[in-house]
Amino acid sequence: TLDGSSRRNIGRYANHSCRPNAETVIY
């Protein structure tokens, strides 16, 4: 698991939506 609790992790500010405009991809 990735612990993204650091404030340097800007991706953590992307919020949840049931109709999103973005997605996550593991690359």
PDB file of all heavy atoms in Angstrom:
ATOM      1  N   THR A   1       0.855  -1.186   0.000  1.00  0.00           N
ATOM      2  CA  THR A   1       0.000   0.000   0.000  1.00  0.00           C
ATOM      3  C   THR A   1       0.888   1.232   0.000  1.00  0.00           C
ATOM      4  O   THR A   1       1.961   1.230   0.588  1.00  0.00           O
ATOM      5  CB  THR A   1      -0.911  -0.001   1.258  1.00  0.00           C
ATOM      6  OG1 THR A   1      -1.756  -1.140   1.198  1.00  0.00           O
ATOM      7  CG2 THR A   1      -1.750   1.248   1.347  1.00  0.00           C
ATOM      8  N   LEU A   2       0.413   2.279  -0.638  1.00  0.00           N
ATOM      9  CA  LEU A   2       1.129   3.546  -0.678  1.00  0.00           C
ATOM     10  C   LEU A   2       0.532   4.452   0.387  1.00  0.00           C
ATOM     11  O   LEU A   2      -0.669   4.688   0.407  1.00  0.00           O
ATOM     12  CB  LEU A   2       0.944   4.178  -2.063  1.00  0.00           C
ATOM     13  CG  LEU A   2       1.807   5.357  -2.400  1.00  0.00           C
ATOM     14  CD1 LEU A   2       3.208   4.857  -2.759  1.00  0.00           C
ATOM     15  CD2 LEU A   2       1.222   6.089  -3.571  1.00  0.00           C
ATOM     16  N   ASP A   3       1.372   4.930   1.309  1.00  0.00           N
ATOM     17  CA  ASP A   3       0.914   5.854   2.344  1.00  0.00           C
ATOM     18  C   ASP A   3       1.128   7.275   1.826  1.00  0.00           C
ATOM     19  O   ASP A   3       2.232   7.795   1.833  1.00  0.00           O
ATOM     20  CB  ASP A   3       1.688   5.633   3.643  1.00  0.00           C
ATOM     21  CG  ASP A   3       1.250   6.559   4.768  1.00  0.00           C
ATOM     22  OD1 ASP A   3       0.323   7.370   4.557  1.00  0.00           O
ATOM     23  OD2 ASP A   3       1.833   6.478   5.863  1.00  0.00           O
ATOM     24  N   GLY A   4       0.058   7.917   1.401  1.00  0.00           N
ATOM     25  CA  GLY A   4       0.147   9.243   0.809  1.00  0.00           C
ATOM     26  C   GLY A   4      -0.166  10.357   1.774  1.00  0.00           C
ATOM     27  O   GLY A   4      -0.627  11.427   1.368  1.00  0.00           O
ATOM     28  N   SER A   5       0.073  10.159   3.057  1.00  0.00           N
ATOM     29  CA  SER A   5      -0.304  11.158   4.061  1.00  0.00           C
ATOM     30  C   SER A   5       0.614  12.371   4.106  1.00  0.00           C
ATOM     31  O   SER A   5       0.257  13.383   4.700  1.00  0.00           O
ATOM     32  CB  SER A   5      -0.385  10.514   5.445  1.00  0.00           C
ATOM     33  OG  SER A   5       0.843   9.932   5.784  1.00  0.00           O
ATOM     34  N   SER A   6       1.768  12.309   3.470  1.00  0.00           N
ATOM     35  CA  SER A   6       2.672  13.456   3.457  1.00  0.00           C
ATOM     36  C   SER A   6       2.033  14.622   2.708  1.00  0.00           C
ATOM     37  O   SER A   6       1.418  14.448   1.668  1.00  0.00           O
ATOM     38  CB  SER A   6       3.980  13.069   2.766  1.00  0.00           C
ATOM     39  OG  SER A   6       4.734  14.219   2.478  1.00  0.00           O
ATOM     40  N   ARG A   7       2.207  15.828   3.232  1.00  0.00           N
ATOM     41  CA  ARG A   7       1.647  17.010   2.569  1.00  0.00           C
ATOM     42  C   ARG A   7       2.357  17.316   1.255  1.00  0.00           C
ATOM     43  O   ARG A   7       1.873  18.097   0.447  1.00  0.00           O
ATOM     44  CB  ARG A   7       1.671  18.213   3.495  1.00  0.00           C
ATOM     45  CG  ARG A   7       0.670  18.078   4.614  1.00  0.00           C
ATOM     46  CD  ARG A   7       0.462  19.405   5.296  1.00  0.00           C
ATOM     47  NE  ARG A   7      -0.430  19.252   6.417  1.00  0.00           N
ATOM     48  CZ  ARG A   7      -1.726  19.517   6.360  1.00  0.00           C
ATOM     49  NH1 ARG A   7      -2.255  19.927   5.252  1.00  0.00           N
ATOM     50  NH2 ARG A   7      -2.475  19.376   7.427  1.00  0.00           N
ATOM     51  N   ARG A   8       3.508  16.709   1.046  1.00  0.00           N
ATOM     52  CA  ARG A   8       4.196  16.872  -0.240  1.00  0.00           C
ATOM     53  C   ARG A   8       3.493  16.102  -1.342  1.00  0.00           C
ATOM     54  O   ARG A   8       3.726  16.351  -2.516  1.00  0.00           O
ATOM     55  CB  ARG A   8       5.636  16.400  -0.124  1.00  0.00           C
ATOM     56  CG  ARG A   8       6.499  17.411   0.579  1.00  0.00           C
ATOM     57  CD  ARG A   8       7.939  17.144   0.292  1.00  0.00           C
ATOM     58  NE  ARG A   8       8.565  16.603   1.491  1.00  0.00           N
ATOM     59  CZ  ARG A   8       9.713  15.975   1.510  1.00  0.00           C
ATOM     60  NH1 ARG A   8      10.363  15.769   0.391  1.00  0.00           N
ATOM     61  NH2 ARG A   8      10.220  15.545   2.631  1.00  0.00           N
ATOM     62  N   ASN A   9       2.639  15.161  -0.967  1.00  0.00           N
ATOM     63  CA  ASN A   9       1.872  14.380  -1.924  1.00  0.00           C
ATOM     64  C   ASN A   9       0.694  15.231  -2.419  1.00  0.00           C
ATOM     65  O   ASN A   9      -0.368  15.265  -1.808  1.00  0.00           O
ATOM     66  CB  ASN A   9       1.369  13.090  -1.267  1.00  0.00           C
ATOM     67  CG  ASN A   9       0.439  12.321  -2.161  1.00  0.00           C
ATOM     68  OD1 ASN A   9       0.456  12.465  -3.374  1.00  0.00           O
ATOM     69  ND2 ASN A   9      -0.390  11.497  -1.550  1.00  0.00           N
ATOM     70  N   ILE A  10       0.879  15.916  -3.509  1.00  0.00           N
ATOM     71  CA  ILE A  10      -0.162  16.804  -4.019  1.00  0.00           C
ATOM     72  C   ILE A  10      -1.358  16.006  -4.547  1.00  0.00           C
ATOM     73  O   ILE A  10      -2.484  16.477  -4.506  1.00  0.00           O
ATOM     74  CB  ILE A  10       0.427  17.743  -5.095  1.00  0.00           C
ATOM     75  CG1 ILE A  10       1.472  18.618  -4.419  1.00  0.00           C
ATOM     76  CG2 ILE A  10      -0.654  18.578  -5.746  1.00  0.00           C
ATOM     77  CD1 ILE A  10       2.216  19.520  -5.323  1.00  0.00           C
ATOM     78  N   GLY A  11      -1.136  14.780  -4.982  1.00  0.00           N
ATOM     79  CA  GLY A  11      -2.221  13.937  -5.478  1.00  0.00           C
ATOM     80  C   GLY A  11      -3.287  13.657  -4.431  1.00  0.00           C
ATOM     81  O   GLY A  11      -4.431  13.355  -4.759  1.00  0.00           O
ATOM     82  N   ARG A  12      -2.938  13.789  -3.157  1.00  0.00           N
ATOM     83  CA  ARG A  12      -3.910  13.526  -2.085  1.00  0.00           C
ATOM     84  C   ARG A  12      -5.038  14.550  -2.059  1.00  0.00           C
ATOM     85  O   ARG A  12      -6.072  14.325  -1.460  1.00  0.00           O
ATOM     86  CB  ARG A  12      -3.209  13.476  -0.727  1.00  0.00           C
ATOM     87  CG  ARG A  12      -2.882  14.823  -0.149  1.00  0.00           C
ATOM     88  CD  ARG A  12      -2.111  14.739   1.124  1.00  0.00           C
ATOM     89  NE  ARG A  12      -2.749  15.553   2.159  1.00  0.00           N
ATOM     90  CZ  ARG A  12      -2.529  15.446   3.434  1.00  0.00           C
ATOM     91  NH1 ARG A  12      -1.701  14.564   3.891  1.00  0.00           N
ATOM     92  NH2 ARG A  12      -3.150  16.205   4.291  1.00  0.00           N
ATOM     93  N   TYR A  13      -4.856  15.698  -2.706  1.00  0.00           N
ATOM     94  CA  TYR A  13      -5.881  16.742  -2.708  1.00  0.00           C
ATOM     95  C   TYR A  13      -6.955  16.528  -3.773  1.00  0.00           C
ATOM     96  O   TYR A  13      -7.944  17.260  -3.796  1.00  0.00           O
ATOM     97  CB  TYR A  13      -5.228  18.118  -2.859  1.00  0.00           C
ATOM     98  CG  TYR A  13      -4.334  18.445  -1.695  1.00  0.00           C
ATOM     99  CD1 TYR A  13      -2.958  18.440  -1.823  1.00  0.00           C
ATOM    100  CD2 TYR A  13      -4.871  18.725  -0.448  1.00  0.00           C
ATOM    101  CE1 TYR A  13      -2.130  18.720  -0.747  1.00  0.00           C
ATOM    102  CE2 TYR A  13      -4.049  19.005   0.640  1.00  0.00           C
ATOM    103  CZ  TYR A  13      -2.685  19.002   0.477  1.00  0.00           C
ATOM    104  OH  TYR A  13      -1.879  19.268   1.549  1.00  0.00           O
ATOM    105  N   ALA A  14      -6.781  15.563  -4.650  1.00  0.00           N
ATOM    106  CA  ALA A  14      -7.821  15.233  -5.626  1.00  0.00           C
ATOM    107  C   ALA A  14      -8.937  14.519  -4.867  1.00  0.00           C
ATOM    108  O   ALA A  14      -8.707  13.506  -4.215  1.00  0.00           O
ATOM    109  CB  ALA A  14      -7.264  14.349  -6.731  1.00  0.00           C
ATOM    110  N   ASN A  15     -10.136  15.062  -4.912  1.00  0.00           N
ATOM    111  CA  ASN A  15     -11.255  14.533  -4.138  1.00  0.00           C
ATOM    112  C   ASN A  15     -12.024  13.451  -4.880  1.00  0.00           C
ATOM    113  O   ASN A  15     -11.858  13.252  -6.079  1.00  0.00           O
ATOM    114  CB  ASN A  15     -12.201  15.676  -3.751  1.00  0.00           C
ATOM    115  CG  ASN A  15     -11.623  16.544  -2.668  1.00  0.00           C
ATOM    116  OD1 ASN A  15     -11.018  16.051  -1.721  1.00  0.00           O
ATOM    117  ND2 ASN A  15     -11.779  17.854  -2.805  1.00  0.00           N
ATOM    118  N   HIS A  16     -12.908  12.787  -4.134  1.00  0.00           N
ATOM    119  CA  HIS A  16     -13.754  11.720  -4.673  1.00  0.00           C
ATOM    120  C   HIS A  16     -14.942  12.302  -5.418  1.00  0.00           C
ATOM    121  O   HIS A  16     -15.487  13.332  -5.044  1.00  0.00           O
ATOM    122  CB  HIS A  16     -14.273  10.848  -3.526  1.00  0.00           C
ATOM    123  CG  HIS A  16     -15.401   9.960  -3.947  1.00  0.00           C
ATOM    124  ND1 HIS A  16     -15.195   8.774  -4.599  1.00  0.00           N
ATOM    125  CD2 HIS A  16     -16.737  10.118  -3.850  1.00  0.00           C
ATOM    126  CE1 HIS A  16     -16.368   8.229  -4.857  1.00  0.00           C
ATOM    127  NE2 HIS A  16     -17.318   9.019  -4.415  1.00  0.00           N
ATOM    128  N   SER A  17     -15.357  11.610  -6.466  1.00  0.00           N
ATOM    129  CA  SER A  17     -16.608  11.916  -7.144  1.00  0.00           C
ATOM    130  C   SER A  17     -17.163  10.623  -7.710  1.00  0.00           C
ATOM    131  O   SER A  17     -16.407   9.753  -8.142  1.00  0.00           O
ATOM    132  CB  SER A  17     -16.396  12.912  -8.279  1.00  0.00           C
ATOM    133  OG  SER A  17     -17.619  13.124  -8.965  1.00  0.00           O
ATOM    134  N   CYS A  18     -18.480  10.509  -7.699  1.00  0.00           N
ATOM    135  CA  CYS A  18     -19.124   9.339  -8.296  1.00  0.00           C
ATOM    136  C   CYS A  18     -19.154   9.453  -9.823  1.00  0.00           C
ATOM    137  O   CYS A  18     -19.367   8.468 -10.515  1.00  0.00           O
ATOM    138  CB  CYS A  18     -20.530   9.179  -7.739  1.00  0.00           C
ATOM    139  SG  CYS A  18     -20.518   8.779  -5.979  1.00  0.00           S
ATOM    140  N   ARG A  19     -18.976  10.678 -10.332  1.00  0.00           N
ATOM    141  CA  ARG A  19     -18.837  10.918 -11.780  1.00  0.00           C
ATOM    142  C   ARG A  19     -17.553  11.710 -11.991  1.00  0.00           C
ATOM    143  O   ARG A  19     -17.573  12.911 -12.212  1.00  0.00           O
ATOM    144  CB  ARG A  19     -20.037  11.683 -12.316  1.00  0.00           C
ATOM    145  CG  ARG A  19     -21.293  10.836 -12.250  1.00  0.00           C
ATOM    146  CD  ARG A  19     -22.400  11.322 -13.092  1.00  0.00           C
ATOM    147  NE  ARG A  19     -22.001  11.431 -14.483  1.00  0.00           N
ATOM    148  CZ  ARG A  19     -22.640  12.184 -15.349  1.00  0.00           C
ATOM    149  NH1 ARG A  19     -23.672  12.895 -14.981  1.00  0.00           N
ATOM    150  NH2 ARG A  19     -22.243  12.247 -16.601  1.00  0.00           N
ATOM    151  N   PRO A  20     -16.402  11.023 -11.915  1.00  0.00           N
ATOM    152  CA  PRO A  20     -15.111  11.712 -11.933  1.00  0.00           C
ATOM    153  C   PRO A  20     -14.707  12.195 -13.318  1.00  0.00           C
ATOM    154  O   PRO A  20     -15.235  11.740 -14.335  1.00  0.00           O
ATOM    155  CB  PRO A  20     -14.154  10.635 -11.441  1.00  0.00           C
ATOM    156  CG  PRO A  20     -14.771   9.362 -11.879  1.00  0.00           C
ATOM    157  CD  PRO A  20     -16.256   9.574 -11.755  1.00  0.00           C
ATOM    158  N   ASN A  21     -13.720  13.108 -13.335  1.00  0.00           N
ATOM    159  CA  ASN A  21     -13.152  13.557 -14.598  1.00  0.00           C
ATOM    160  C   ASN A  21     -11.703  13.079 -14.750  1.00  0.00           C
ATOM    161  O   ASN A  21     -11.047  13.398 -15.721  1.00  0.00           O
ATOM    162  CB  ASN A  21     -13.236  15.085 -14.724  1.00  0.00           C
ATOM    163  CG  ASN A  21     -12.609  15.811 -13.568  1.00  0.00           C
ATOM    164  OD1 ASN A  21     -11.851  15.239 -12.790  1.00  0.00           O
ATOM    165  ND2 ASN A  21     -12.937  17.079 -13.425  1.00  0.00           N
ATOM    166  N   ALA A  22     -11.232  12.323 -13.765  1.00  0.00           N
ATOM    167  CA  ALA A  22      -9.872  11.782 -13.814  1.00  0.00           C
ATOM    168  C   ALA A  22      -9.886  10.352 -13.264  1.00  0.00           C
ATOM    169  O   ALA A  22     -10.877   9.917 -12.675  1.00  0.00           O
ATOM    170  CB  ALA A  22      -8.928  12.647 -12.993  1.00  0.00           C
ATOM    171  N   GLU A  23      -8.788   9.659 -13.480  1.00  0.00           N
ATOM    172  CA  GLU A  23      -8.661   8.286 -12.975  1.00  0.00           C
ATOM    173  C   GLU A  23      -7.222   8.051 -12.551  1.00  0.00           C
ATOM    174  O   GLU A  23      -6.322   8.789 -12.938  1.00  0.00           O
ATOM    175  CB  GLU A  23      -9.073   7.278 -14.042  1.00  0.00           C
ATOM    176  CG  GLU A  23      -8.165   7.271 -15.260  1.00  0.00           C
ATOM    177  CD  GLU A  23      -8.633   6.328 -16.357  1.00  0.00           C
ATOM    178  OE1 GLU A  23      -9.476   5.466 -16.080  1.00  0.00           O
ATOM    179  OE2 GLU A  23      -8.141   6.465 -17.487  1.00  0.00           O
ATOM    180  N   THR A  24      -7.023   7.022 -11.744  1.00  0.00           N
ATOM    181  CA  THR A  24      -5.666   6.674 -11.333  1.00  0.00           C
ATOM    182  C   THR A  24      -5.186   5.495 -12.161  1.00  0.00           C
ATOM    183  O   THR A  24      -5.967   4.598 -12.494  1.00  0.00           O
ATOM    184  CB  THR A  24      -5.597   6.311  -9.838  1.00  0.00           C
ATOM    185  OG1 THR A  24      -6.505   5.246  -9.587  1.00  0.00           O
ATOM    186  CG2 THR A  24      -5.934   7.500  -8.972  1.00  0.00           C
ATOM    187  N   VAL A  25      -3.903   5.514 -12.475  1.00  0.00           N
ATOM    188  CA  VAL A  25      -3.277   4.453 -13.248  1.00  0.00           C
ATOM    189  C   VAL A  25      -1.964   4.112 -12.554  1.00  0.00           C
ATOM    190  O   VAL A  25      -1.204   5.008 -12.198  1.00  0.00           O
ATOM    191  CB  VAL A  25      -2.989   4.924 -14.694  1.00  0.00           C
ATOM    192  CG1 VAL A  25      -2.286   3.846 -15.482  1.00  0.00           C
ATOM    193  CG2 VAL A  25      -4.262   5.357 -15.382  1.00  0.00           C
ATOM    194  N   ILE A  26      -1.726   2.817 -12.351  1.00  0.00           N
ATOM    195  CA  ILE A  26      -0.446   2.390 -11.781  1.00  0.00           C
ATOM    196  C   ILE A  26       0.479   2.102 -12.957  1.00  0.00           C
ATOM    197  O   ILE A  26       0.200   1.235 -13.786  1.00  0.00           O
ATOM    198  CB  ILE A  26      -0.605   1.161 -10.874  1.00  0.00           C
ATOM    199  CG1 ILE A  26      -1.536   1.506  -9.710  1.00  0.00           C
ATOM    200  CG2 ILE A  26       0.755   0.687 -10.365  1.00  0.00           C
ATOM    201  CD1 ILE A  26      -1.888   0.340  -8.821  1.00  0.00           C
ATOM    202  N   TYR A  27       1.566   2.872 -13.033  1.00  0.00           N
ATOM    203  CA  TYR A  27       2.504   2.768 -14.143  1.00  0.00           C
ATOM    204  C   TYR A  27       3.914   2.703 -13.581  1.00  0.00           C
ATOM    205  O   TYR A  27       4.358   3.632 -12.903  1.00  0.00           O
ATOM    206  CB  TYR A  27       2.343   3.984 -15.073  1.00  0.00           C
ATOM    207  CG  TYR A  27       3.285   4.007 -16.239  1.00  0.00           C
ATOM    208  CD1 TYR A  27       3.102   3.149 -17.320  1.00  0.00           C
ATOM    209  CD2 TYR A  27       4.366   4.872 -16.251  1.00  0.00           C
ATOM    210  CE1 TYR A  27       3.958   3.170 -18.394  1.00  0.00           C
ATOM    211  CE2 TYR A  27       5.239   4.908 -17.331  1.00  0.00           C
ATOM    212  CZ  TYR A  27       5.036   4.049 -18.401  1.00  0.00           C
ATOM    213  OH  TYR A  27       5.895   4.067 -19.465  1.00  0.00           O
TER     214      TYR A  27
END
